PDB file of all heavy atoms in Angstrom:
ATOM      1  N   GLY A   1      20.078  22.458 -24.522  1.00  0.00           N
ATOM      2  CA  GLY A   1      21.499  22.627 -24.744  1.00  0.00           C
ATOM      3  C   GLY A   1      22.263  21.765 -23.756  1.00  0.00           C
ATOM      4  O   GLY A   1      21.677  21.101 -22.901  1.00  0.00           O
ATOM      5  N   THR A   2      23.579  21.784 -23.859  1.00  0.00           N
ATOM      6  CA  THR A   2      24.431  20.960 -23.003  1.00  0.00           C
ATOM      7  C   THR A   2      25.243  21.834 -22.057  1.00  0.00           C
ATOM      8  O   THR A   2      26.083  22.623 -22.516  1.00  0.00           O
ATOM      9  CB  THR A   2      25.389  20.105 -23.852  1.00  0.00           C
ATOM     10  OG1 THR A   2      24.620  19.262 -24.719  1.00  0.00           O
ATOM     11  CG2 THR A   2      26.280  19.234 -22.969  1.00  0.00           C
ATOM     12  N   PRO A   3      25.022  21.733 -20.749  1.00  0.00           N
ATOM     13  CA  PRO A   3      25.829  22.493 -19.793  1.00  0.00           C
ATOM     14  C   PRO A   3      27.295  22.059 -19.864  1.00  0.00           C
ATOM     15  O   PRO A   3      27.604  20.877 -20.003  1.00  0.00           O
ATOM     16  CB  PRO A   3      25.217  22.139 -18.436  1.00  0.00           C
ATOM     17  CG  PRO A   3      23.848  21.608 -18.749  1.00  0.00           C
ATOM     18  CD  PRO A   3      23.969  20.952 -20.079  1.00  0.00           C
ATOM     19  N   ARG A   4      28.192  23.015 -19.746  1.00  0.00           N
ATOM     20  CA  ARG A   4      29.623  22.711 -19.769  1.00  0.00           C
ATOM     21  C   ARG A   4      30.165  22.451 -18.371  1.00  0.00           C
ATOM     22  O   ARG A   4      31.188  21.774 -18.214  1.00  0.00           O
ATOM     23  CB  ARG A   4      30.384  23.863 -20.439  1.00  0.00           C
ATOM     24  CG  ARG A   4      30.036  24.038 -21.914  1.00  0.00           C
ATOM     25  CD  ARG A   4      30.223  22.750 -22.676  1.00  0.00           C
ATOM     26  NE  ARG A   4      29.768  22.831 -24.062  1.00  0.00           N
ATOM     27  CZ  ARG A   4      29.575  21.787 -24.846  1.00  0.00           C
ATOM     28  NH1 ARG A   4      29.759  20.563 -24.358  1.00  0.00           N
ATOM     29  NH2 ARG A   4      29.175  21.923 -26.083  1.00  0.00           N
ATOM     30  N   ALA A   5      29.491  23.001 -17.370  1.00  0.00           N
ATOM     31  CA  ALA A   5      29.919  22.786 -15.990  1.00  0.00           C
ATOM     32  C   ALA A   5      29.287  21.498 -15.460  1.00  0.00           C
ATOM     33  O   ALA A   5      28.307  20.983 -16.015  1.00  0.00           O
ATOM     34  CB  ALA A   5      29.523  23.975 -15.130  1.00  0.00           C
ATOM     35  N   VAL A   6      29.819  20.995 -14.358  1.00  0.00           N
ATOM     36  CA  VAL A   6      29.273  19.775 -13.769  1.00  0.00           C
ATOM     37  C   VAL A   6      28.084  20.087 -12.871  1.00  0.00           C
ATOM     38  O   VAL A   6      27.420  19.173 -12.381  1.00  0.00           O
ATOM     39  CB  VAL A   6      30.345  19.021 -12.964  1.00  0.00           C
ATOM     40  CG1 VAL A   6      31.454  18.550 -13.889  1.00  0.00           C
ATOM     41  CG2 VAL A   6      30.912  19.893 -11.846  1.00  0.00           C
ATOM     42  N   GLU A   7      27.820  21.362 -12.647  1.00  0.00           N
ATOM     43  CA  GLU A   7      26.688  21.772 -11.828  1.00  0.00           C
ATOM     44  C   GLU A   7      25.782  22.668 -12.649  1.00  0.00           C
ATOM     45  O   GLU A   7      26.251  23.585 -13.325  1.00  0.00           O
ATOM     46  CB  GLU A   7      27.188  22.529 -10.597  1.00  0.00           C
ATOM     47  CG  GLU A   7      26.091  22.915  -9.619  1.00  0.00           C
ATOM     48  CD  GLU A   7      26.657  23.568  -8.372  1.00  0.00           C
ATOM     49  OE1 GLU A   7      26.960  22.837  -7.403  1.00  0.00           O
ATOM     50  OE2 GLU A   7      26.810  24.808  -8.370  1.00  0.00           O
ATOM     51  N   VAL A   8      24.481  22.393 -12.621  1.00  0.00           N
ATOM     52  CA  VAL A   8      23.528  23.222 -13.339  1.00  0.00           C
ATOM     53  C   VAL A   8      22.521  23.779 -12.344  1.00  0.00           C
ATOM     54  O   VAL A   8      22.042  23.073 -11.449  1.00  0.00           O
ATOM     55  CB  VAL A   8      22.813  22.429 -14.467  1.00  0.00           C
ATOM     56  CG1 VAL A   8      21.964  21.292 -13.912  1.00  0.00           C
ATOM     57  CG2 VAL A   8      21.959  23.347 -15.317  1.00  0.00           C
ATOM     58  N   ARG A   9      22.202  25.048 -12.507  1.00  0.00           N
ATOM     59  CA  ARG A   9      21.283  25.744 -11.609  1.00  0.00           C
ATOM     60  C   ARG A   9      20.062  26.176 -12.425  1.00  0.00           C
ATOM     61  O   ARG A   9      20.180  27.017 -13.321  1.00  0.00           O
ATOM     62  CB  ARG A   9      21.969  26.958 -10.991  1.00  0.00           C
ATOM     63  CG  ARG A   9      21.133  27.705  -9.946  1.00  0.00           C
ATOM     64  CD  ARG A   9      21.858  28.968  -9.480  1.00  0.00           C
ATOM     65  NE  ARG A   9      21.177  29.588  -8.359  1.00  0.00           N
ATOM     66  CZ  ARG A   9      21.636  29.602  -7.117  1.00  0.00           C
ATOM     67  NH1 ARG A   9      22.803  29.028  -6.835  1.00  0.00           N
ATOM     68  NH2 ARG A   9      20.955  30.202  -6.153  1.00  0.00           N
ATOM     69  N   ILE A  10      18.911  25.574 -12.123  1.00  0.00           N
ATOM     70  CA  ILE A  10      17.672  25.882 -12.858  1.00  0.00           C
ATOM     71  C   ILE A  10      16.881  26.896 -12.049  1.00  0.00           C
ATOM     72  O   ILE A  10      16.457  26.629 -10.918  1.00  0.00           O
ATOM     73  CB  ILE A  10      16.849  24.607 -13.092  1.00  0.00           C
ATOM     74  CG1 ILE A  10      17.691  23.574 -13.839  1.00  0.00           C
ATOM     75  CG2 ILE A  10      15.582  24.944 -13.890  1.00  0.00           C
ATOM     76  CD1 ILE A  10      17.015  22.235 -13.994  1.00  0.00           C
ATOM     77  N   GLN A  11      16.691  28.048 -12.651  1.00  0.00           N
ATOM     78  CA  GLN A  11      16.090  29.159 -11.929  1.00  0.00           C
ATOM     79  C   GLN A  11      14.592  28.953 -11.730  1.00  0.00           C
ATOM     80  O   GLN A  11      13.880  28.534 -12.649  1.00  0.00           O
ATOM     81  CB  GLN A  11      16.362  30.465 -12.683  1.00  0.00           C
ATOM     82  CG  GLN A  11      17.855  30.780 -12.788  1.00  0.00           C
ATOM     83  CD  GLN A  11      18.150  32.016 -13.622  1.00  0.00           C
ATOM     84  OE1 GLN A  11      17.368  32.417 -14.472  1.00  0.00           O
ATOM     85  NE2 GLN A  11      19.310  32.631 -13.369  1.00  0.00           N
ATOM     86  N   GLY A  12      14.132  29.235 -10.519  1.00  0.00           N
ATOM     87  CA  GLY A  12      12.699  29.206 -10.218  1.00  0.00           C
ATOM     88  C   GLY A  12      12.109  27.813 -10.162  1.00  0.00           C
ATOM     89  O   GLY A  12      10.905  27.647 -10.337  1.00  0.00           O
ATOM     90  N   MET A  13      12.919  26.802  -9.881  1.00  0.00           N
ATOM     91  CA  MET A  13      12.418  25.423  -9.811  1.00  0.00           C
ATOM     92  C   MET A  13      12.678  24.869  -8.421  1.00  0.00           C
ATOM     93  O   MET A  13      13.822  24.837  -7.962  1.00  0.00           O
ATOM     94  CB  MET A  13      13.101  24.553 -10.869  1.00  0.00           C
ATOM     95  CG  MET A  13      12.628  23.104 -10.874  1.00  0.00           C
ATOM     96  SD  MET A  13      13.516  22.124 -12.112  1.00  0.00           S
ATOM     97  CE  MET A  13      12.781  20.514 -11.861  1.00  0.00           C
ATOM     98  N   ARG A  14      11.629  24.444  -7.758  1.00  0.00           N
ATOM     99  CA  ARG A  14      11.758  23.872  -6.424  1.00  0.00           C
ATOM    100  C   ARG A  14      11.419  22.387  -6.462  1.00  0.00           C
ATOM    101  O   ARG A  14      10.526  21.966  -7.193  1.00  0.00           O
ATOM    102  CB  ARG A  14      10.833  24.588  -5.437  1.00  0.00           C
ATOM    103  CG  ARG A  14      11.178  26.051  -5.197  1.00  0.00           C
ATOM    104  CD  ARG A  14      10.381  26.619  -4.040  1.00  0.00           C
ATOM    105  NE  ARG A  14      10.709  25.948  -2.786  1.00  0.00           N
ATOM    106  CZ  ARG A  14      11.726  26.268  -1.995  1.00  0.00           C
ATOM    107  NH1 ARG A  14      12.520  27.263  -2.314  1.00  0.00           N
ATOM    108  NH2 ARG A  14      11.945  25.606  -0.861  1.00  0.00           N
ATOM    109  N   ALA A  15      12.147  21.617  -5.663  1.00  0.00           N
ATOM    110  CA  ALA A  15      11.879  20.183  -5.516  1.00  0.00           C
ATOM    111  C   ALA A  15      11.557  19.898  -4.058  1.00  0.00           C
ATOM    112  O   ALA A  15      12.251  20.390  -3.159  1.00  0.00           O
ATOM    113  CB  ALA A  15      13.077  19.363  -5.960  1.00  0.00           C
ATOM    114  N   PRO A  16      10.514  19.123  -3.778  1.00  0.00           N
ATOM    115  CA  PRO A  16      10.191  18.773  -2.392  1.00  0.00           C
ATOM    116  C   PRO A  16      11.333  17.992  -1.749  1.00  0.00           C
ATOM    117  O   PRO A  16      12.078  17.267  -2.419  1.00  0.00           O
ATOM    118  CB  PRO A  16       8.927  17.910  -2.523  1.00  0.00           C
ATOM    119  CG  PRO A  16       8.368  18.253  -3.865  1.00  0.00           C
ATOM    120  CD  PRO A  16       9.538  18.570  -4.729  1.00  0.00           C
ATOM    121  N   ALA A  17      11.468  18.143  -0.447  1.00  0.00           N
ATOM    122  CA  ALA A  17      12.498  17.396   0.285  1.00  0.00           C
ATOM    123  C   ALA A  17      12.319  15.893   0.052  1.00  0.00           C
ATOM    124  O   ALA A  17      11.200  15.371   0.024  1.00  0.00           O
ATOM    125  CB  ALA A  17      12.402  17.705   1.777  1.00  0.00           C
ATOM    126  N   GLY A  18      13.431  15.207  -0.142  1.00  0.00           N
ATOM    127  CA  GLY A  18      13.388  13.770  -0.379  1.00  0.00           C
ATOM    128  C   GLY A  18      13.182  13.381  -1.823  1.00  0.00           C
ATOM    129  O   GLY A  18      13.084  12.185  -2.131  1.00  0.00           O
ATOM    130  N   SER A  19      13.117  14.359  -2.718  1.00  0.00           N
ATOM    131  CA  SER A  19      12.920  14.048  -4.140  1.00  0.00           C
ATOM    132  C   SER A  19      14.141  13.340  -4.717  1.00  0.00           C
ATOM    133  O   SER A  19      15.272  13.515  -4.242  1.00  0.00           O
ATOM    134  CB  SER A  19      12.654  15.325  -4.940  1.00  0.00           C
ATOM    135  OG  SER A  19      11.422  15.900  -4.600  1.00  0.00           O
ATOM    136  N   GLU A  20      13.883  12.565  -5.744  1.00  0.00           N
ATOM    137  CA  GLU A  20      14.946  11.879  -6.487  1.00  0.00           C
ATOM    138  C   GLU A  20      15.117  12.575  -7.835  1.00  0.00           C
ATOM    139  O   GLU A  20      14.138  12.830  -8.534  1.00  0.00           O
ATOM    140  CB  GLU A  20      14.564  10.420  -6.691  1.00  0.00           C
ATOM    141  CG  GLU A  20      15.559   9.612  -7.493  1.00  0.00           C
ATOM    142  CD  GLU A  20      15.073   8.185  -7.706  1.00  0.00           C
ATOM    143  OE1 GLU A  20      15.028   7.432  -6.717  1.00  0.00           O
ATOM    144  OE2 GLU A  20      14.708   7.849  -8.851  1.00  0.00           O
ATOM    145  N   VAL A  21      16.344  12.878  -8.187  1.00  0.00           N
ATOM    146  CA  VAL A  21      16.637  13.548  -9.458  1.00  0.00           C
ATOM    147  C   VAL A  21      17.498  12.621 -10.305  1.00  0.00           C
ATOM    148  O   VAL A  21      18.527  12.111  -9.835  1.00  0.00           O
ATOM    149  CB  VAL A  21      17.350  14.895  -9.238  1.00  0.00           C
ATOM    150  CG1 VAL A  21      17.662  15.560 -10.572  1.00  0.00           C
ATOM    151  CG2 VAL A  21      16.498  15.818  -8.371  1.00  0.00           C
ATOM    152  N   ARG A  22      17.076  12.401 -11.517  1.00  0.00           N
ATOM    153  CA  ARG A  22      17.842  11.583 -12.459  1.00  0.00           C
ATOM    154  C   ARG A  22      17.919  12.295 -13.812  1.00  0.00           C
ATOM    155  O   ARG A  22      17.036  13.071 -14.166  1.00  0.00           O
ATOM    156  CB  ARG A  22      17.205  10.212 -12.648  1.00  0.00           C
ATOM    157  CG  ARG A  22      17.273   9.302 -11.409  1.00  0.00           C
ATOM    158  CD  ARG A  22      16.664   7.941 -11.698  1.00  0.00           C
ATOM    159  NE  ARG A  22      16.642   7.080 -10.525  1.00  0.00           N
ATOM    160  CZ  ARG A  22      17.614   6.236 -10.185  1.00  0.00           C
ATOM    161  NH1 ARG A  22      18.685   6.146 -10.964  1.00  0.00           N
ATOM    162  NH2 ARG A  22      17.511   5.486  -9.106  1.00  0.00           N
ATOM    163  N   LEU A  23      18.960  11.982 -14.543  1.00  0.00           N
ATOM    164  CA  LEU A  23      19.108  12.439 -15.921  1.00  0.00           C
ATOM    165  C   LEU A  23      18.716  11.281 -16.827  1.00  0.00           C
ATOM    166  O   LEU A  23      19.290  10.187 -16.719  1.00  0.00           O
ATOM    167  CB  LEU A  23      20.553  12.861 -16.191  1.00  0.00           C
ATOM    168  CG  LEU A  23      20.866  13.391 -17.588  1.00  0.00           C
ATOM    169  CD1 LEU A  23      20.194  14.742 -17.814  1.00  0.00           C
ATOM    170  CD2 LEU A  23      22.381  13.517 -17.789  1.00  0.00           C
ATOM    171  N   LEU A  24      17.720  11.491 -17.690  1.00  0.00           N
ATOM    172  CA  LEU A  24      17.275  10.400 -18.556  1.00  0.00           C
ATOM    173  C   LEU A  24      18.433   9.927 -19.424  1.00  0.00           C
ATOM    174  O   LEU A  24      19.183  10.718 -19.991  1.00  0.00           O
ATOM    175  CB  LEU A  24      16.107  10.862 -19.428  1.00  0.00           C
ATOM    176  CG  LEU A  24      14.833  11.298 -18.695  1.00  0.00           C
ATOM    177  CD1 LEU A  24      13.697  11.515 -19.689  1.00  0.00           C
ATOM    178  CD2 LEU A  24      14.413  10.276 -17.639  1.00  0.00           C
ATOM    179  N   GLY A  25      18.561   8.602 -19.500  1.00  0.00           N
ATOM    180  CA  GLY A  25      19.665   8.003 -20.221  1.00  0.00           C
ATOM    181  C   GLY A  25      20.827   7.623 -19.337  1.00  0.00           C
ATOM    182  O   GLY A  25      21.797   7.004 -19.796  1.00  0.00           O
ATOM    183  N   HIS A  26      20.751   7.994 -18.033  1.00  0.00           N
ATOM    184  CA  HIS A  26      21.790   7.641 -17.058  1.00  0.00           C
ATOM    185  C   HIS A  26      21.147   6.874 -15.907  1.00  0.00           C
ATOM    186  O   HIS A  26      20.024   7.161 -15.510  1.00  0.00           O
ATOM    187  CB  HIS A  26      22.493   8.901 -16.536  1.00  0.00           C
ATOM    188  CG  HIS A  26      23.309   9.601 -17.574  1.00  0.00           C
ATOM    189  ND1 HIS A  26      24.678   9.530 -17.627  1.00  0.00           N
ATOM    190  CD2 HIS A  26      22.925  10.388 -18.618  1.00  0.00           C
ATOM    191  CE1 HIS A  26      25.118  10.238 -18.648  1.00  0.00           C
ATOM    192  NE2 HIS A  26      24.074  10.775 -19.265  1.00  0.00           N
ATOM    193  N   ASP A  27      21.879   5.953 -15.331  1.00  0.00           N
ATOM    194  CA  ASP A  27      21.317   5.082 -14.306  1.00  0.00           C
ATOM    195  C   ASP A  27      21.350   5.680 -12.905  1.00  0.00           C
ATOM    196  O   ASP A  27      20.492   5.384 -12.081  1.00  0.00           O
ATOM    197  CB  ASP A  27      22.064   3.745 -14.291  1.00  0.00           C
ATOM    198  CG  ASP A  27      21.866   2.953 -15.574  1.00  0.00           C
ATOM    199  OD1 ASP A  27      20.790   3.121 -16.195  1.00  0.00           O
ATOM    200  OD2 ASP A  27      22.771   2.202 -15.953  1.00  0.00           O
ATOM    201  N   ASP A  28      22.337   6.488 -12.613  1.00  0.00           N
ATOM    202  CA  ASP A  28      22.570   6.903 -11.234  1.00  0.00           C
ATOM    203  C   ASP A  28      21.688   8.082 -10.826  1.00  0.00           C
ATOM    204  O   ASP A  28      21.377   8.965 -11.643  1.00  0.00           O
ATOM    205  CB  ASP A  28      24.043   7.289 -11.038  1.00  0.00           C
ATOM    206  CG  ASP A  28      24.979   6.122 -11.291  1.00  0.00           C
ATOM    207  OD1 ASP A  28      24.526   4.970 -11.106  1.00  0.00           O
ATOM    208  OD2 ASP A  28      26.132   6.358 -11.685  1.00  0.00           O
ATOM    209  N   ARG A  29      21.350   8.086  -9.534  1.00  0.00           N
ATOM    210  CA  ARG A  29      20.711   9.262  -8.970  1.00  0.00           C
ATOM    211  C   ARG A  29      21.713  10.417  -8.946  1.00  0.00           C
ATOM    212  O   ARG A  29      22.923  10.212  -8.801  1.00  0.00           O
ATOM    213  CB  ARG A  29      20.247   8.988  -7.539  1.00  0.00           C
ATOM    214  CG  ARG A  29      19.153   7.934  -7.423  1.00  0.00           C
ATOM    215  CD  ARG A  29      18.712   7.827  -5.982  1.00  0.00           C
ATOM    216  NE  ARG A  29      17.716   6.775  -5.799  1.00  0.00           N
ATOM    217  CZ  ARG A  29      17.107   6.522  -4.651  1.00  0.00           C
ATOM    218  NH1 ARG A  29      17.395   7.245  -3.571  1.00  0.00           N
ATOM    219  NH2 ARG A  29      16.219   5.555  -4.573  1.00  0.00           N
ATOM    220  N   LEU A  30      21.180  11.626  -9.042  1.00  0.00           N
ATOM    221  CA  LEU A  30      22.037  12.803  -9.035  1.00  0.00           C
ATOM    222  C   LEU A  30      21.918  13.527  -7.691  1.00  0.00           C
ATOM    223  O   LEU A  30      20.846  13.569  -7.080  1.00  0.00           O
ATOM    224  CB  LEU A  30      21.651  13.757 -10.172  1.00  0.00           C
ATOM    225  CG  LEU A  30      21.667  13.170 -11.582  1.00  0.00           C
ATOM    226  CD1 LEU A  30      21.304  14.243 -12.602  1.00  0.00           C
ATOM    227  CD2 LEU A  30      23.035  12.573 -11.914  1.00  0.00           C
ATOM    228  N   THR A  31      23.011  14.087  -7.279  1.00  0.00           N
ATOM    229  CA  THR A  31      23.011  14.907  -6.070  1.00  0.00           C
ATOM    230  C   THR A  31      22.423  16.276  -6.398  1.00  0.00           C
ATOM    231  O   THR A  31      22.754  16.872  -7.431  1.00  0.00           O
ATOM    232  CB  THR A  31      24.444  15.077  -5.539  1.00  0.00           C
ATOM    233  OG1 THR A  31      24.982  13.776  -5.258  1.00  0.00           O
ATOM    234  CG2 THR A  31      24.468  15.919  -4.272  1.00  0.00           C
ATOM    235  N   TRP A  32      21.581  16.766  -5.493  1.00  0.00           N
ATOM    236  CA  TRP A  32      20.954  18.071  -5.744  1.00  0.00           C
ATOM    237  C   TRP A  32      20.758  18.809  -4.431  1.00  0.00           C
ATOM    238  O   TRP A  32      20.817  18.226  -3.349  1.00  0.00           O
ATOM    239  CB  TRP A  32      19.607  17.901  -6.448  1.00  0.00           C
ATOM    240  CG  TRP A  32      18.547  17.212  -5.616  1.00  0.00           C
ATOM    241  CD1 TRP A  32      18.374  15.876  -5.468  1.00  0.00           C
ATOM    242  CD2 TRP A  32      17.559  17.850  -4.803  1.00  0.00           C
ATOM    243  NE1 TRP A  32      17.334  15.613  -4.620  1.00  0.00           N
ATOM    244  CE2 TRP A  32      16.799  16.806  -4.193  1.00  0.00           C
ATOM    245  CE3 TRP A  32      17.226  19.167  -4.521  1.00  0.00           C
ATOM    246  CZ2 TRP A  32      15.740  17.074  -3.330  1.00  0.00           C
ATOM    247  CZ3 TRP A  32      16.164  19.444  -3.673  1.00  0.00           C
ATOM    248  CH2 TRP A  32      15.432  18.406  -3.084  1.00  0.00           C
ATOM    249  N   ARG A  33      20.515  20.089  -4.544  1.00  0.00           N
ATOM    250  CA  ARG A  33      20.191  20.906  -3.384  1.00  0.00           C
ATOM    251  C   ARG A  33      19.302  22.063  -3.823  1.00  0.00           C
ATOM    252  O   ARG A  33      19.288  22.438  -5.015  1.00  0.00           O
ATOM    253  CB  ARG A  33      21.458  21.431  -2.716  1.00  0.00           C
ATOM    254  CG  ARG A  33      22.176  22.528  -3.496  1.00  0.00           C
ATOM    255  CD  ARG A  33      23.441  23.003  -2.780  1.00  0.00           C
ATOM    256  NE  ARG A  33      24.010  24.192  -3.403  1.00  0.00           N
ATOM    257  CZ  ARG A  33      24.825  24.205  -4.429  1.00  0.00           C
ATOM    258  NH1 ARG A  33      25.189  23.046  -4.986  1.00  0.00           N
ATOM    259  NH2 ARG A  33      25.301  25.336  -4.931  1.00  0.00           N
ATOM    260  N   GLN A  34      18.589  22.595  -2.876  1.00  0.00           N
ATOM    261  CA  GLN A  34      17.764  23.759  -3.134  1.00  0.00           C
ATOM    262  C   GLN A  34      18.527  25.002  -2.684  1.00  0.00           C
ATOM    263  O   GLN A  34      19.044  25.051  -1.551  1.00  0.00           O
ATOM    264  CB  GLN A  34      16.440  23.664  -2.372  1.00  0.00           C
ATOM    265  CG  GLN A  34      15.350  24.585  -2.886  1.00  0.00           C
ATOM    266  CD  GLN A  34      14.820  24.155  -4.246  1.00  0.00           C
ATOM    267  OE1 GLN A  34      14.544  22.987  -4.477  1.00  0.00           O
ATOM    268  NE2 GLN A  34      14.701  25.102  -5.168  1.00  0.00           N
ATOM    269  N   SER A  35      18.641  25.960  -3.553  1.00  0.00           N
ATOM    270  CA  SER A  35      19.296  27.221  -3.225  1.00  0.00           C
ATOM    271  C   SER A  35      18.299  28.340  -3.449  1.00  0.00           C
ATOM    272  O   SER A  35      18.069  28.773  -4.594  1.00  0.00           O
ATOM    273  CB  SER A  35      20.544  27.416  -4.095  1.00  0.00           C
ATOM    274  OG  SER A  35      21.159  28.665  -3.810  1.00  0.00           O
ATOM    275  N   ASP A  36      17.647  28.758  -2.373  1.00  0.00           N
ATOM    276  CA  ASP A  36      16.549  29.727  -2.469  1.00  0.00           C
ATOM    277  C   ASP A  36      15.486  29.161  -3.409  1.00  0.00           C
ATOM    278  O   ASP A  36      14.977  28.077  -3.179  1.00  0.00           O
ATOM    279  CB  ASP A  36      17.065  31.100  -2.921  1.00  0.00           C
ATOM    280  CG  ASP A  36      18.007  31.710  -1.900  1.00  0.00           C
ATOM    281  OD1 ASP A  36      17.793  31.481  -0.693  1.00  0.00           O
ATOM    282  OD2 ASP A  36      18.962  32.391  -2.309  1.00  0.00           O
ATOM    283  N   GLU A  37      15.192  29.852  -4.511  1.00  0.00           N
ATOM    284  CA  GLU A  37      14.154  29.396  -5.432  1.00  0.00           C
ATOM    285  C   GLU A  37      14.714  28.570  -6.581  1.00  0.00           C
ATOM    286  O   GLU A  37      13.970  28.214  -7.508  1.00  0.00           O
ATOM    287  CB  GLU A  37      13.390  30.599  -6.003  1.00  0.00           C
ATOM    288  CG  GLU A  37      12.605  31.382  -4.972  1.00  0.00           C
ATOM    289  CD  GLU A  37      11.564  30.523  -4.282  1.00  0.00           C
ATOM    290  OE1 GLU A  37      10.816  29.803  -4.978  1.00  0.00           O
ATOM    291  OE2 GLU A  37      11.508  30.546  -3.038  1.00  0.00           O
ATOM    292  N   ASP A  38      15.986  28.244  -6.544  1.00  0.00           N
ATOM    293  CA  ASP A  38      16.622  27.554  -7.665  1.00  0.00           C
ATOM    294  C   ASP A  38      16.997  26.127  -7.278  1.00  0.00           C
ATOM    295  O   ASP A  38      17.390  25.856  -6.133  1.00  0.00           O
ATOM    296  CB  ASP A  38      17.886  28.290  -8.120  1.00  0.00           C
ATOM    297  CG  ASP A  38      17.602  29.716  -8.566  1.00  0.00           C
ATOM    298  OD1 ASP A  38      16.421  30.017  -8.837  1.00  0.00           O
ATOM    299  OD2 ASP A  38      18.557  30.509  -8.644  1.00  0.00           O
ATOM    300  N   LEU A  39      16.901  25.229  -8.268  1.00  0.00           N
ATOM    301  CA  LEU A  39      17.336  23.845  -8.082  1.00  0.00           C
ATOM    302  C   LEU A  39      18.736  23.703  -8.654  1.00  0.00           C
ATOM    303  O   LEU A  39      18.981  24.027  -9.828  1.00  0.00           O
ATOM    304  CB  LEU A  39      16.375  22.884  -8.794  1.00  0.00           C
ATOM    305  CG  LEU A  39      16.667  21.396  -8.616  1.00  0.00           C
ATOM    306  CD1 LEU A  39      16.347  20.977  -7.174  1.00  0.00           C
ATOM    307  CD2 LEU A  39      15.853  20.559  -9.600  1.00  0.00           C
ATOM    308  N   VAL A  40      19.647  23.216  -7.836  1.00  0.00           N
ATOM    309  CA  VAL A  40      21.037  23.041  -8.252  1.00  0.00           C
ATOM    310  C   VAL A  40      21.328  21.540  -8.303  1.00  0.00           C
ATOM    311  O   VAL A  40      21.152  20.822  -7.318  1.00  0.00           O
ATOM    312  CB  VAL A  40      22.002  23.737  -7.282  1.00  0.00           C
ATOM    313  CG1 VAL A  40      23.447  23.580  -7.772  1.00  0.00           C
ATOM    314  CG2 VAL A  40      21.642  25.218  -7.142  1.00  0.00           C
ATOM    315  N   VAL A  41      21.771  21.054  -9.456  1.00  0.00           N
ATOM    316  CA  VAL A  41      21.961  19.620  -9.680  1.00  0.00           C
ATOM    317  C   VAL A  41      23.392  19.358 -10.122  1.00  0.00           C
ATOM    318  O   VAL A  41      23.940  20.057 -10.991  1.00  0.00           O
ATOM    319  CB  VAL A  41      20.975  19.098 -10.754  1.00  0.00           C
ATOM    320  CG1 VAL A  41      21.163  17.601 -10.965  1.00  0.00           C
ATOM    321  CG2 VAL A  41      19.533  19.403 -10.374  1.00  0.00           C
ATOM    322  N   GLN A  42      23.994  18.334  -9.521  1.00  0.00           N
ATOM    323  CA  GLN A  42      25.315  17.872  -9.942  1.00  0.00           C
ATOM    324  C   GLN A  42      25.135  16.887 -11.095  1.00  0.00           C
ATOM    325  O   GLN A  42      24.479  15.855 -10.954  1.00  0.00           O
ATOM    326  CB  GLN A  42      26.042  17.190  -8.783  1.00  0.00           C
ATOM    327  CG  GLN A  42      26.319  18.096  -7.598  1.00  0.00           C
ATOM    328  CD  GLN A  42      27.329  19.177  -7.927  1.00  0.00           C
ATOM    329  OE1 GLN A  42      28.344  18.906  -8.571  1.00  0.00           O
ATOM    330  NE2 GLN A  42      27.036  20.396  -7.505  1.00  0.00           N
ATOM    331  N   LEU A  43      25.739  17.186 -12.235  1.00  0.00           N
ATOM    332  CA  LEU A  43      25.555  16.383 -13.442  1.00  0.00           C
ATOM    333  C   LEU A  43      26.688  15.381 -13.620  1.00  0.00           C
ATOM    334  O   LEU A  43      27.815  15.621 -13.168  1.00  0.00           O
ATOM    335  CB  LEU A  43      25.497  17.295 -14.673  1.00  0.00           C
ATOM    336  CG  LEU A  43      24.346  18.297 -14.723  1.00  0.00           C
ATOM    337  CD1 LEU A  43      24.547  19.262 -15.887  1.00  0.00           C
ATOM    338  CD2 LEU A  43      23.009  17.582 -14.858  1.00  0.00           C
TER     339      LEU A  43
END
């Protein structure tokens, strides 16, 4: 589905420090942070 907010929080997903997050079809790296056990990504 398509998130309506500019921030998406994926429950129970962890990313190692220094990871790169991208949205397929877009060129730019995305800003992200770890919030407890959830991955929060700026879209």
